[in-house]
Amino acid sequence: MRNELKTAIAGTFRQLYQTLSLFTQSEINAIPFEGSWTSGQVARHIIKATSGIKQVCDSNTKKLVENPEAKVTELNKIFLDLSTKMNSPEFIYPEVKDYDKELLLATIQNIEKDLLDIAENYDLTLTCLNFEMPGFGHLTIYELVSFCVVHTKRHIYQLENIYKALRN
């Protein structure tokens, strides 16, 4: 469980760096088509959705469930269904502004370090009681980190589409 999670984090974030690195600084803030976020906004959304996880895992936790991976299948099913359009909850909605590509990448690297540290050193079976995922309720540390991975994968796909749109 622990090694699979670390491998998933490292692979997903490597793909995220590679994809974001394709964009020039000016393309980071370019709107690819009407109704779309910029790649900078997508990166900021990923940051807002995945930062602060360590604080959640360090706060009020308790052993509550037998299967600490119980909600992962459903998270994967929902977030990897790329045919469905989703609306971001307000608290992780990206600000409309110009973003600095290098600052985004540096912030994402710090988040990856935190997630890898959690995967390596935390009791992944504990349930986080100070945060509820909309539609899922309380998650175990394993489920929460798995959400970070699958949510990021969904947005890598979005970034790839933005990149293609800007290049055509």
Protein backbone atom coordinates (compact mmCIF):
# COMPACT_ATOMS: atom_id res chain seq x y z
CA MET A 1 0.00 0.00 0.00
CA ARG A 2 2.71 2.49 1.03
CA ASN A 3 5.05 1.80 -1.92
CA GLU A 4 2.21 1.87 -4.46
CA LEU A 5 1.12 5.24 -3.13
CA LYS A 6 4.65 6.69 -3.29
CA THR A 7 5.05 5.40 -6.86
CA ALA A 8 1.70 6.95 -7.85
CA ILE A 9 2.64 10.32 -6.30
CA ALA A 10 6.08 10.42 -7.96
CA GLY A 11 4.76 9.35 -11.39
CA THR A 12 1.82 11.74 -11.37
CA PHE A 13 3.86 14.73 -10.26
CA ARG A 14 6.62 13.93 -12.79
CA GLN A 15 3.93 13.98 -15.50
CA LEU A 16 2.55 17.25 -14.09
CA TYR A 17 6.02 18.93 -14.19
CA GLN A 18 6.62 17.68 -17.73
CA THR A 19 3.24 18.95 -18.91
CA LEU A 20 3.49 22.36 -17.21
CA SER A 21 7.05 22.75 -18.47
CA LEU A 22 5.76 22.65 -22.06
CA PHE A 23 4.11 26.04 -21.58
CA THR A 24 6.05 29.27 -22.01
CA GLN A 25 5.57 31.95 -19.34
CA SER A 26 3.14 33.84 -21.59
CA GLU A 27 1.20 30.66 -22.43
CA ILE A 28 0.71 29.99 -18.69
CA ASN A 29 -1.71 32.93 -18.66
CA ALA A 30 -3.24 32.50 -22.13
CA ILE A 31 -6.92 31.58 -22.40
CA PRO A 32 -7.01 28.69 -24.88
CA PHE A 33 -10.73 28.85 -25.71
CA GLU A 34 -13.89 30.45 -24.37
CA GLY A 35 -14.96 29.17 -20.97
CA SER A 36 -11.58 27.59 -20.20
CA TRP A 37 -9.17 28.25 -17.40
CA THR A 38 -5.61 29.17 -18.28
CA SER A 39 -2.93 26.58 -17.55
CA GLY A 40 -1.83 28.83 -14.67
CA GLN A 41 -5.33 28.65 -13.21
CA VAL A 42 -5.36 24.85 -13.57
CA ALA A 43 -2.01 24.67 -11.75
CA ARG A 44 -3.29 27.01 -9.03
CA HIS A 45 -6.42 24.85 -8.66
CA ILE A 46 -4.23 21.75 -8.21
CA ILE A 47 -2.19 23.65 -5.61
CA LYS A 48 -5.29 24.78 -3.72
CA ALA A 49 -6.72 21.23 -3.78
CA THR A 50 -3.51 19.53 -2.61
CA SER A 51 -1.80 22.00 -0.30
CA GLY A 52 -2.57 21.85 3.38
CA ILE A 53 -2.94 18.06 3.30
CA LYS A 54 -0.15 17.67 5.83
CA GLN A 55 -1.97 19.97 8.29
CA VAL A 56 -5.14 17.90 7.86
CA CYS A 57 -3.17 14.68 8.49
CA ASP A 58 -1.42 16.24 11.51
CA SER A 59 -4.68 17.36 13.13
CA ASN A 60 -7.58 15.36 14.50
CA THR A 61 -7.31 11.75 13.25
CA LYS A 62 -8.69 8.47 14.52
CA LYS A 63 -8.79 4.81 13.51
CA LEU A 64 -12.39 4.40 12.30
CA VAL A 65 -12.56 2.05 9.33
CA GLU A 66 -11.43 -1.48 8.56
CA ASN A 67 -10.47 -0.75 4.96
CA PRO A 68 -8.44 2.47 4.65
CA GLU A 69 -8.72 2.23 0.84
CA ALA A 70 -12.51 1.82 0.70
CA LYS A 71 -13.29 5.09 -1.13
CA VAL A 72 -10.34 5.02 -3.55
CA THR A 73 -12.15 3.02 -6.25
CA GLU A 74 -15.05 5.49 -6.26
CA LEU A 75 -12.66 8.50 -6.27
CA ASN A 76 -10.85 7.01 -9.28
CA LYS A 77 -14.12 6.23 -11.06
CA ILE A 78 -15.41 9.78 -10.66
CA PHE A 79 -12.23 11.77 -11.26
CA LEU A 80 -10.87 9.67 -14.12
CA ASP A 81 -14.16 9.83 -16.03
CA LEU A 82 -12.93 12.54 -18.37
CA SER A 83 -16.24 12.67 -20.22
CA THR A 84 -17.86 14.39 -17.22
CA LYS A 85 -17.51 18.11 -16.69
CA MET A 86 -17.12 19.04 -13.04
CA ASN A 87 -17.46 22.32 -11.20
CA SER A 88 -14.82 23.23 -8.69
CA PRO A 89 -15.89 23.91 -5.11
CA GLU A 90 -15.48 27.61 -4.35
CA PHE A 91 -12.70 27.08 -1.77
CA ILE A 92 -10.32 25.65 -4.41
CA TYR A 93 -11.39 27.84 -7.32
CA PRO A 94 -8.34 29.55 -8.88
CA GLU A 95 -8.03 33.31 -8.81
CA VAL A 96 -8.21 35.18 -12.13
CA LYS A 97 -4.73 36.74 -12.35
CA ASP A 98 -1.37 36.32 -14.02
CA TYR A 99 0.66 33.40 -12.66
CA ASP A 100 4.41 32.92 -12.57
CA LYS A 101 5.32 29.54 -14.07
CA GLU A 102 8.44 29.01 -11.93
CA LEU A 103 6.58 29.86 -8.72
CA LEU A 104 3.80 27.41 -9.63
CA LEU A 105 6.36 24.66 -10.31
CA ALA A 106 8.24 25.35 -7.05
CA THR A 107 4.99 25.24 -5.05
CA ILE A 108 3.98 21.98 -6.71
CA GLN A 109 7.39 20.47 -5.88
CA ASN A 110 6.85 21.32 -2.20
CA ILE A 111 3.42 19.69 -2.28
CA GLU A 112 4.92 16.55 -3.83
CA LYS A 113 7.54 16.43 -1.03
CA ASP A 114 4.78 16.71 1.58
CA LEU A 115 2.71 13.96 -0.05
CA LEU A 116 5.74 11.65 -0.30
CA ASP A 117 6.54 12.33 3.36
CA ILE A 118 2.98 11.48 4.35
CA ALA A 119 3.03 8.29 2.24
CA GLU A 120 6.33 7.24 3.84
CA ASN A 121 5.85 8.21 7.48
CA TYR A 122 2.18 8.53 8.44
CA ASP A 123 -0.32 5.92 9.56
CA LEU A 124 -2.32 5.79 6.33
CA THR A 125 -5.21 3.96 8.02
CA LEU A 126 -6.23 6.92 10.21
CA THR A 127 -9.35 8.91 9.29
CA CYS A 128 -9.00 12.71 9.07
CA LEU A 129 -11.77 14.25 11.16
CA ASN A 130 -11.09 17.96 10.50
CA PHE A 131 -11.92 17.80 6.79
CA GLU A 132 -14.82 16.38 4.82
CA MET A 133 -14.57 15.81 1.08
CA PRO A 134 -17.76 17.02 -0.62
CA GLY A 135 -19.74 13.90 -1.56
CA PHE A 136 -17.38 11.56 0.32
CA GLY A 137 -17.28 12.74 3.93
CA HIS A 138 -14.24 11.97 6.06
CA LEU A 139 -11.34 10.23 4.32
CA THR A 140 -8.47 8.16 5.63
CA ILE A 141 -4.99 9.57 5.09
CA TYR A 142 -4.53 6.97 2.34
CA GLU A 143 -7.75 8.07 0.62
CA LEU A 144 -6.89 11.75 0.97
CA VAL A 145 -3.45 11.32 -0.63
CA SER A 146 -5.01 9.07 -3.30
CA PHE A 147 -7.49 11.88 -4.03
CA CYS A 148 -4.56 14.28 -4.53
CA VAL A 149 -3.09 11.88 -7.08
CA VAL A 150 -6.28 11.17 -9.05
CA HIS A 151 -7.41 14.81 -8.99
CA THR A 152 -4.00 15.86 -10.32
CA LYS A 153 -4.18 13.20 -13.07
CA ARG A 154 -7.54 14.60 -14.18
CA HIS A 155 -6.06 18.07 -14.49
CA ILE A 156 -2.94 16.88 -16.32
CA TYR A 157 -5.34 15.74 -19.03
CA GLN A 158 -6.93 19.21 -18.97
CA LEU A 159 -3.48 20.85 -19.23
CA GLU A 160 -2.64 18.66 -22.23
CA ASN A 161 -5.84 19.81 -23.95
CA ILE A 162 -5.07 23.45 -23.18
CA TYR A 163 -1.57 23.02 -24.60
CA LYS A 164 -2.94 21.48 -27.82
CA ALA A 165 -5.51 24.28 -28.15
CA LEU A 166 -2.84 26.98 -27.74
CA ARG A 167 -0.62 25.31 -30.33
CA ASN A 168 -3.35 24.98 -32.99
